[in-house]
Amino acid sequence: MRKLFSVIVLLLLMLSLSGCTVNWFDKHYDVPWFVIAIPVAVIFLIAHICIMSGTYVCPECGASFKPKWYQISAYFHFMGKRLIKCPECKKTSYCKRK
């Protein structure tokens, strides 16, 4: 954990020294990196909270469960259902969110 924290701090320090050039209607603007990075991070955070807020129901056994974040983000989703492995029956199917 301490190593991850130090890597993040070093990355932020390195990025704080750099900037971005934005071309907007034939005008060039120099903006700091965080002007672009913060809105993108907020959008990803809101999407993560929305996806993780619900519980899922297995269509095979009817069990209700809350999967890990990597199971939800890594698997396919289609029409409000996600392809997740049920912890009860151990079958992978499209589970609907409650």
C-alpha atoms as a PDB file:
ATOM      1  CA  MET A   1       0.000   0.000   0.000  1.00  0.00           C
ATOM      2  CA  ARG A   2       2.811   2.384   0.861  1.00  0.00           C
ATOM      3  CA  LYS A   3       4.560   1.613  -2.432  1.00  0.00           C
ATOM      4  CA  LEU A   4       1.373   2.329  -4.410  1.00  0.00           C
ATOM      5  CA  PHE A   5       0.912   5.615  -2.585  1.00  0.00           C
ATOM      6  CA  SER A   6       4.486   6.693  -3.336  1.00  0.00           C
ATOM      7  CA  VAL A   7       4.081   5.803  -7.026  1.00  0.00           C
ATOM      8  CA  ILE A   8       0.876   7.866  -7.229  1.00  0.00           C
ATOM      9  CA  VAL A   9       2.535  10.844  -5.529  1.00  0.00           C
ATOM     10  CA  LEU A  10       5.527  10.677  -7.879  1.00  0.00           C
ATOM     11  CA  LEU A  11       3.215  10.431 -10.886  1.00  0.00           C
ATOM     12  CA  LEU A  12       1.242  13.457  -9.741  1.00  0.00           C
ATOM     13  CA  LEU A  13       4.417  15.456  -9.161  1.00  0.00           C
ATOM     14  CA  MET A  14       5.680  14.543 -12.600  1.00  0.00           C
ATOM     15  CA  LEU A  15       2.380  15.470 -14.239  1.00  0.00           C
ATOM     16  CA  SER A  16       2.173  18.762 -12.384  1.00  0.00           C
ATOM     17  CA  LEU A  17       5.266  19.931 -14.240  1.00  0.00           C
ATOM     18  CA  SER A  18       3.673  19.236 -17.612  1.00  0.00           C
ATOM     19  CA  GLY A  19       0.864  20.935 -19.468  1.00  0.00           C
ATOM     20  CA  CYS A  20      -1.463  20.331 -22.366  1.00  0.00           C
ATOM     21  CA  THR A  21      -2.049  22.343 -25.484  1.00  0.00           C
ATOM     22  CA  VAL A  22      -5.710  22.559 -26.426  1.00  0.00           C
ATOM     23  CA  ASN A  23      -6.787  23.680 -29.884  1.00  0.00           C
ATOM     24  CA  TRP A  24     -10.226  25.271 -29.749  1.00  0.00           C
ATOM     25  CA  PHE A  25     -11.586  26.968 -32.887  1.00  0.00           C
ATOM     26  CA  ASP A  26      -8.133  27.769 -34.315  1.00  0.00           C
ATOM     27  CA  LYS A  27      -6.858  29.160 -31.016  1.00  0.00           C
ATOM     28  CA  HIS A  28      -4.188  27.481 -28.939  1.00  0.00           C
ATOM     29  CA  TYR A  29      -4.497  27.341 -25.151  1.00  0.00           C
ATOM     30  CA  ASP A  30      -1.966  26.022 -22.670  1.00  0.00           C
ATOM     31  CA  VAL A  31      -3.815  24.387 -19.799  1.00  0.00           C
ATOM     32  CA  PRO A  32      -2.497  22.434 -16.812  1.00  0.00           C
ATOM     33  CA  TRP A  33      -2.987  18.676 -16.899  1.00  0.00           C
ATOM     34  CA  PHE A  34      -5.422  18.623 -13.968  1.00  0.00           C
ATOM     35  CA  VAL A  35      -7.957  20.777 -15.832  1.00  0.00           C
ATOM     36  CA  ILE A  36      -8.484  17.781 -18.109  1.00  0.00           C
ATOM     37  CA  ALA A  37      -7.759  14.976 -15.639  1.00  0.00           C
ATOM     38  CA  ILE A  38     -10.129  16.027 -12.838  1.00  0.00           C
ATOM     39  CA  PRO A  39     -13.362  15.984 -14.898  1.00  0.00           C
ATOM     40  CA  VAL A  40     -12.394  12.629 -16.419  1.00  0.00           C
ATOM     41  CA  ALA A  41     -11.682  11.192 -12.944  1.00  0.00           C
ATOM     42  CA  VAL A  42     -15.015  12.521 -11.632  1.00  0.00           C
ATOM     43  CA  ILE A  43     -16.901  10.903 -14.523  1.00  0.00           C
ATOM     44  CA  PHE A  44     -15.197   7.558 -13.882  1.00  0.00           C
ATOM     45  CA  LEU A  45     -15.922   7.839 -10.148  1.00  0.00           C
ATOM     46  CA  ILE A  46     -19.622   8.553 -10.721  1.00  0.00           C
ATOM     47  CA  ALA A  47     -19.873   5.646 -13.171  1.00  0.00           C
ATOM     48  CA  HIS A  48     -18.157   3.340 -10.663  1.00  0.00           C
ATOM     49  CA  ILE A  49     -20.538   4.366  -7.868  1.00  0.00           C
ATOM     50  CA  CYS A  50     -23.593   3.878 -10.087  1.00  0.00           C
ATOM     51  CA  ILE A  51     -22.488   0.423 -11.220  1.00  0.00           C
ATOM     52  CA  MET A  52     -21.476  -0.784  -7.751  1.00  0.00           C
ATOM     53  CA  SER A  53     -24.591   0.482  -5.952  1.00  0.00           C
ATOM     54  CA  GLY A  54     -26.886  -2.419  -6.837  1.00  0.00           C
ATOM     55  CA  THR A  55     -27.137  -6.102  -6.111  1.00  0.00           C
ATOM     56  CA  TYR A  56     -27.511  -8.667  -8.853  1.00  0.00           C
ATOM     57  CA  VAL A  57     -29.905 -11.635  -9.117  1.00  0.00           C
ATOM     58  CA  CYS A  58     -28.887 -14.932 -10.705  1.00  0.00           C
ATOM     59  CA  PRO A  59     -31.456 -16.162 -13.263  1.00  0.00           C
ATOM     60  CA  GLU A  60     -30.514 -19.802 -12.612  1.00  0.00           C
ATOM     61  CA  CYS A  61     -30.884 -20.102  -8.829  1.00  0.00           C
ATOM     62  CA  GLY A  62     -32.436 -16.743  -7.883  1.00  0.00           C
ATOM     63  CA  ALA A  63     -29.658 -15.876  -5.445  1.00  0.00           C
ATOM     64  CA  SER A  64     -29.029 -12.206  -4.723  1.00  0.00           C
ATOM     65  CA  PHE A  65     -25.386 -11.155  -4.464  1.00  0.00           C
ATOM     66  CA  LYS A  66     -23.050  -8.196  -4.738  1.00  0.00           C
ATOM     67  CA  PRO A  67     -20.027  -8.962  -6.961  1.00  0.00           C
ATOM     68  CA  LYS A  68     -16.567  -7.459  -6.668  1.00  0.00           C
ATOM     69  CA  TRP A  69     -15.727  -4.333  -8.661  1.00  0.00           C
ATOM     70  CA  TYR A  70     -13.409  -6.151 -11.057  1.00  0.00           C
ATOM     71  CA  GLN A  71     -16.104  -8.707 -11.890  1.00  0.00           C
ATOM     72  CA  ILE A  72     -18.523  -5.979 -12.886  1.00  0.00           C
ATOM     73  CA  SER A  73     -16.079  -3.832 -14.838  1.00  0.00           C
ATOM     74  CA  ALA A  74     -14.349  -6.674 -16.690  1.00  0.00           C
ATOM     75  CA  TYR A  75     -17.367  -8.637 -17.908  1.00  0.00           C
ATOM     76  CA  PHE A  76     -19.773  -7.939 -20.736  1.00  0.00           C
ATOM     77  CA  HIS A  77     -23.105  -6.223 -20.258  1.00  0.00           C
ATOM     78  CA  PHE A  78     -26.149  -6.157 -22.496  1.00  0.00           C
ATOM     79  CA  MET A  79     -29.567  -4.522 -22.003  1.00  0.00           C
ATOM     80  CA  GLY A  80     -29.193  -3.903 -18.274  1.00  0.00           C
ATOM     81  CA  LYS A  81     -27.733  -7.334 -17.521  1.00  0.00           C
ATOM     82  CA  ARG A  82     -24.120  -8.291 -16.828  1.00  0.00           C
ATOM     83  CA  LEU A  83     -22.328 -11.542 -17.479  1.00  0.00           C
ATOM     84  CA  ILE A  84     -21.282 -12.539 -13.948  1.00  0.00           C
ATOM     85  CA  LYS A  85     -20.452 -15.816 -12.220  1.00  0.00           C
ATOM     86  CA  CYS A  86     -22.921 -16.555  -9.424  1.00  0.00           C
ATOM     87  CA  PRO A  87     -21.222 -17.367  -6.087  1.00  0.00           C
ATOM     88  CA  GLU A  88     -24.032 -19.777  -5.111  1.00  0.00           C
ATOM     89  CA  CYS A  89     -24.532 -22.025  -8.159  1.00  0.00           C
ATOM     90  CA  LYS A  90     -21.137 -21.235  -9.808  1.00  0.00           C
ATOM     91  CA  LYS A  91     -22.763 -20.695 -13.233  1.00  0.00           C
ATOM     92  CA  THR A  92     -21.891 -17.777 -15.463  1.00  0.00           C
ATOM     93  CA  SER A  93     -24.978 -16.063 -16.851  1.00  0.00           C
ATOM     94  CA  TYR A  94     -26.476 -12.662 -17.525  1.00  0.00           C
ATOM     95  CA  CYS A  95     -27.573 -11.442 -14.098  1.00  0.00           C
ATOM     96  CA  LYS A  96     -30.036  -8.592 -13.757  1.00  0.00           C
ATOM     97  CA  ARG A  97     -29.419  -5.721 -11.367  1.00  0.00           C
ATOM     98  CA  LYS A  98     -31.988  -5.082  -8.634  1.00  0.00           C
END
